[in-house]
Amino acid sequence: MPYVYEVSFEVAPEQMDKFDVGSSLARVLGYLRARLPSEHGFVTSQAMYSLDDPERTRLVLRSEWGSWEALVKHRESELLEAKVLEEFEHVPEQSITTRVYAEVGPKPY
């Protein structure tokens, strides 16, 4: 059963240029997406942003893990998405939301 670790935060419309290819935030996201596959238990990752509210854009980073143990180990690693983003100056720590998901079904752990 896969487990999902999700990090999200909101940005103002005038900050959307930070996602452009070559911008510093785009480089941070690219770094994460390139390094995460080297972690044990990694399945896949996504970086996306919302389109439904023109006043606020939510950036969402999702990584999927093959076991609960792999997710726990990832949450302790230096590549943890929230930890990497907190070091990025344009993302205030208090604006970052993290969630962990498991598929509906038997108790995961």
C-alpha atoms as a PDB file:
ATOM      1  CA  MET A   1       0.000   0.000   0.000  1.00  0.00           C
ATOM      2  CA  PRO A   2       1.544   3.347  -0.966  1.00  0.00           C
ATOM      3  CA  TYR A   3       1.784   6.235   1.478  1.00  0.00           C
ATOM      4  CA  VAL A   4       1.767   9.864   0.414  1.00  0.00           C
ATOM      5  CA  TYR A   5       3.658  12.734   2.008  1.00  0.00           C
ATOM      6  CA  GLU A   6       2.277  16.106   0.927  1.00  0.00           C
ATOM      7  CA  VAL A   7       3.665  19.590   1.438  1.00  0.00           C
ATOM      8  CA  SER A   8       1.752  22.672   0.330  1.00  0.00           C
ATOM      9  CA  PHE A   9       1.841  26.430   0.688  1.00  0.00           C
ATOM     10  CA  GLU A  10       0.157  29.442  -0.884  1.00  0.00           C
ATOM     11  CA  VAL A  11       1.751  32.110  -3.007  1.00  0.00           C
ATOM     12  CA  ALA A  12       0.383  35.413  -4.220  1.00  0.00           C
ATOM     13  CA  PRO A  13      -0.258  35.786  -7.968  1.00  0.00           C
ATOM     14  CA  GLU A  14       2.646  38.230  -8.281  1.00  0.00           C
ATOM     15  CA  GLN A  15       5.006  35.521  -6.959  1.00  0.00           C
ATOM     16  CA  MET A  16       4.141  33.007  -9.713  1.00  0.00           C
ATOM     17  CA  ASP A  17       7.273  33.964 -11.643  1.00  0.00           C
ATOM     18  CA  LYS A  18       9.219  32.073  -8.952  1.00  0.00           C
ATOM     19  CA  PHE A  19       7.973  28.848 -10.601  1.00  0.00           C
ATOM     20  CA  ASP A  20       9.365  29.736 -14.023  1.00  0.00           C
ATOM     21  CA  VAL A  21      12.106  27.495 -15.355  1.00  0.00           C
ATOM     22  CA  GLY A  22      15.419  28.804 -14.091  1.00  0.00           C
ATOM     23  CA  SER A  23      13.978  30.635 -11.088  1.00  0.00           C
ATOM     24  CA  SER A  24      15.330  29.741  -7.658  1.00  0.00           C
ATOM     25  CA  LEU A  25      12.148  27.983  -6.502  1.00  0.00           C
ATOM     26  CA  ALA A  26      11.968  25.979  -9.719  1.00  0.00           C
ATOM     27  CA  ARG A  27      15.577  24.892  -9.109  1.00  0.00           C
ATOM     28  CA  VAL A  28      14.697  23.789  -5.548  1.00  0.00           C
ATOM     29  CA  LEU A  29      11.762  21.743  -6.879  1.00  0.00           C
ATOM     30  CA  GLY A  30      13.951  20.258  -9.602  1.00  0.00           C
ATOM     31  CA  TYR A  31      16.582  19.355  -6.999  1.00  0.00           C
ATOM     32  CA  LEU A  32      14.004  17.525  -4.890  1.00  0.00           C
ATOM     33  CA  ARG A  33      12.544  15.654  -7.850  1.00  0.00           C
ATOM     34  CA  ALA A  34      16.011  14.585  -8.957  1.00  0.00           C
ATOM     35  CA  ARG A  35      17.201  13.468  -5.501  1.00  0.00           C
ATOM     36  CA  LEU A  36      14.086  11.788  -4.067  1.00  0.00           C
ATOM     37  CA  PRO A  37      14.308   8.701  -6.325  1.00  0.00           C
ATOM     38  CA  SER A  38      17.577   7.769  -4.606  1.00  0.00           C
ATOM     39  CA  GLU A  39      15.775   7.257  -1.289  1.00  0.00           C
ATOM     40  CA  HIS A  40      14.756   3.716  -0.297  1.00  0.00           C
ATOM     41  CA  GLY A  41      11.054   3.032  -0.840  1.00  0.00           C
ATOM     42  CA  PHE A  42      10.448   6.021  -3.138  1.00  0.00           C
ATOM     43  CA  VAL A  43       7.696   5.407  -5.724  1.00  0.00           C
ATOM     44  CA  THR A  44       6.953   8.733  -7.442  1.00  0.00           C
ATOM     45  CA  SER A  45       6.600  12.484  -6.877  1.00  0.00           C
ATOM     46  CA  GLN A  46       4.639  15.401  -8.264  1.00  0.00           C
ATOM     47  CA  ALA A  47       4.926  19.170  -8.064  1.00  0.00           C
ATOM     48  CA  MET A  48       1.777  21.049  -9.053  1.00  0.00           C
ATOM     49  CA  TYR A  49      -0.074  24.284  -8.485  1.00  0.00           C
ATOM     50  CA  SER A  50      -3.756  25.147  -8.215  1.00  0.00           C
ATOM     51  CA  LEU A  51      -5.678  26.938 -10.954  1.00  0.00           C
ATOM     52  CA  ASP A  52      -9.103  27.394  -9.350  1.00  0.00           C
ATOM     53  CA  ASP A  53      -8.519  30.603  -7.345  1.00  0.00           C
ATOM     54  CA  PRO A  54      -7.000  33.612  -9.163  1.00  0.00           C
ATOM     55  CA  GLU A  55      -6.345  35.396  -5.843  1.00  0.00           C
ATOM     56  CA  ARG A  56      -4.220  32.611  -4.320  1.00  0.00           C
ATOM     57  CA  THR A  57      -2.181  29.841  -5.812  1.00  0.00           C
ATOM     58  CA  ARG A  58      -1.368  26.731  -3.774  1.00  0.00           C
ATOM     59  CA  LEU A  59       1.786  24.841  -4.613  1.00  0.00           C
ATOM     60  CA  VAL A  60       1.595  21.140  -3.735  1.00  0.00           C
ATOM     61  CA  LEU A  61       4.505  18.699  -3.568  1.00  0.00           C
ATOM     62  CA  ARG A  62       3.572  15.041  -3.207  1.00  0.00           C
ATOM     63  CA  SER A  63       5.897  12.105  -2.784  1.00  0.00           C
ATOM     64  CA  GLU A  64       4.702   8.503  -2.681  1.00  0.00           C
ATOM     65  CA  TRP A  65       6.408   5.796  -0.640  1.00  0.00           C
ATOM     66  CA  GLY A  66       6.092   2.016  -0.890  1.00  0.00           C
ATOM     67  CA  SER A  67       5.978   1.283   2.834  1.00  0.00           C
ATOM     68  CA  TRP A  68       5.302   3.017   6.122  1.00  0.00           C
ATOM     69  CA  GLU A  69       8.917   2.414   7.155  1.00  0.00           C
ATOM     70  CA  ALA A  70      10.176   4.138   3.993  1.00  0.00           C
ATOM     71  CA  LEU A  71       7.954   7.161   4.681  1.00  0.00           C
ATOM     72  CA  VAL A  72       9.117   7.383   8.302  1.00  0.00           C
ATOM     73  CA  LYS A  73      12.749   7.228   7.156  1.00  0.00           C
ATOM     74  CA  HIS A  74      12.077   9.923   4.543  1.00  0.00           C
ATOM     75  CA  ARG A  75      10.526  12.185   7.189  1.00  0.00           C
ATOM     76  CA  GLU A  76      13.806  11.967   9.108  1.00  0.00           C
ATOM     77  CA  SER A  77      15.993  12.664   6.050  1.00  0.00           C
ATOM     78  CA  GLU A  78      17.669  15.836   4.844  1.00  0.00           C
ATOM     79  CA  LEU A  79      15.594  15.581   1.638  1.00  0.00           C
ATOM     80  CA  LEU A  80      12.286  16.070   3.440  1.00  0.00           C
ATOM     81  CA  GLU A  81      10.356  18.498   1.236  1.00  0.00           C
ATOM     82  CA  ALA A  82       9.172  20.729   4.095  1.00  0.00           C
ATOM     83  CA  LYS A  83      12.715  20.967   5.490  1.00  0.00           C
ATOM     84  CA  VAL A  84      14.201  21.904   2.107  1.00  0.00           C
ATOM     85  CA  LEU A  85      11.471  24.490   1.465  1.00  0.00           C
ATOM     86  CA  GLU A  86      11.871  26.061   4.915  1.00  0.00           C
ATOM     87  CA  GLU A  87      15.467  26.844   3.976  1.00  0.00           C
ATOM     88  CA  PHE A  88      14.231  28.618   0.853  1.00  0.00           C
ATOM     89  CA  GLU A  89      13.849  32.309   1.713  1.00  0.00           C
ATOM     90  CA  HIS A  90      10.596  32.934  -0.203  1.00  0.00           C
ATOM     91  CA  VAL A  91       8.577  30.282   1.644  1.00  0.00           C
ATOM     92  CA  PRO A  92       7.733  31.324   5.213  1.00  0.00           C
ATOM     93  CA  GLU A  93       7.834  28.330   7.573  1.00  0.00           C
ATOM     94  CA  GLN A  94       4.403  29.157   9.020  1.00  0.00           C
ATOM     95  CA  SER A  95       2.802  28.948   5.555  1.00  0.00           C
ATOM     96  CA  ILE A  96       3.881  25.335   4.946  1.00  0.00           C
ATOM     97  CA  THR A  97       1.266  22.635   5.528  1.00  0.00           C
ATOM     98  CA  THR A  98       2.235  18.970   5.648  1.00  0.00           C
ATOM     99  CA  ARG A  99      -0.039  15.938   5.509  1.00  0.00           C
ATOM    100  CA  VAL A 100       0.471  12.180   5.350  1.00  0.00           C
ATOM    101  CA  TYR A 101      -2.066   9.980   3.556  1.00  0.00           C
ATOM    102  CA  ALA A 102      -2.771   6.275   3.352  1.00  0.00           C
ATOM    103  CA  GLU A 103      -5.217   4.532   1.094  1.00  0.00           C
ATOM    104  CA  VAL A 104      -8.614   3.761   2.634  1.00  0.00           C
ATOM    105  CA  GLY A 105      -8.577   0.163   3.777  1.00  0.00           C
ATOM    106  CA  PRO A 106      -6.845  -1.829   6.495  1.00  0.00           C
ATOM    107  CA  LYS A 107      -4.970   0.064   9.179  1.00  0.00           C
ATOM    108  CA  PRO A 108      -1.579   0.890   7.632  1.00  0.00           C
ATOM    109  CA  TYR A 109       0.642   0.382  10.690  1.00  0.00           C
END
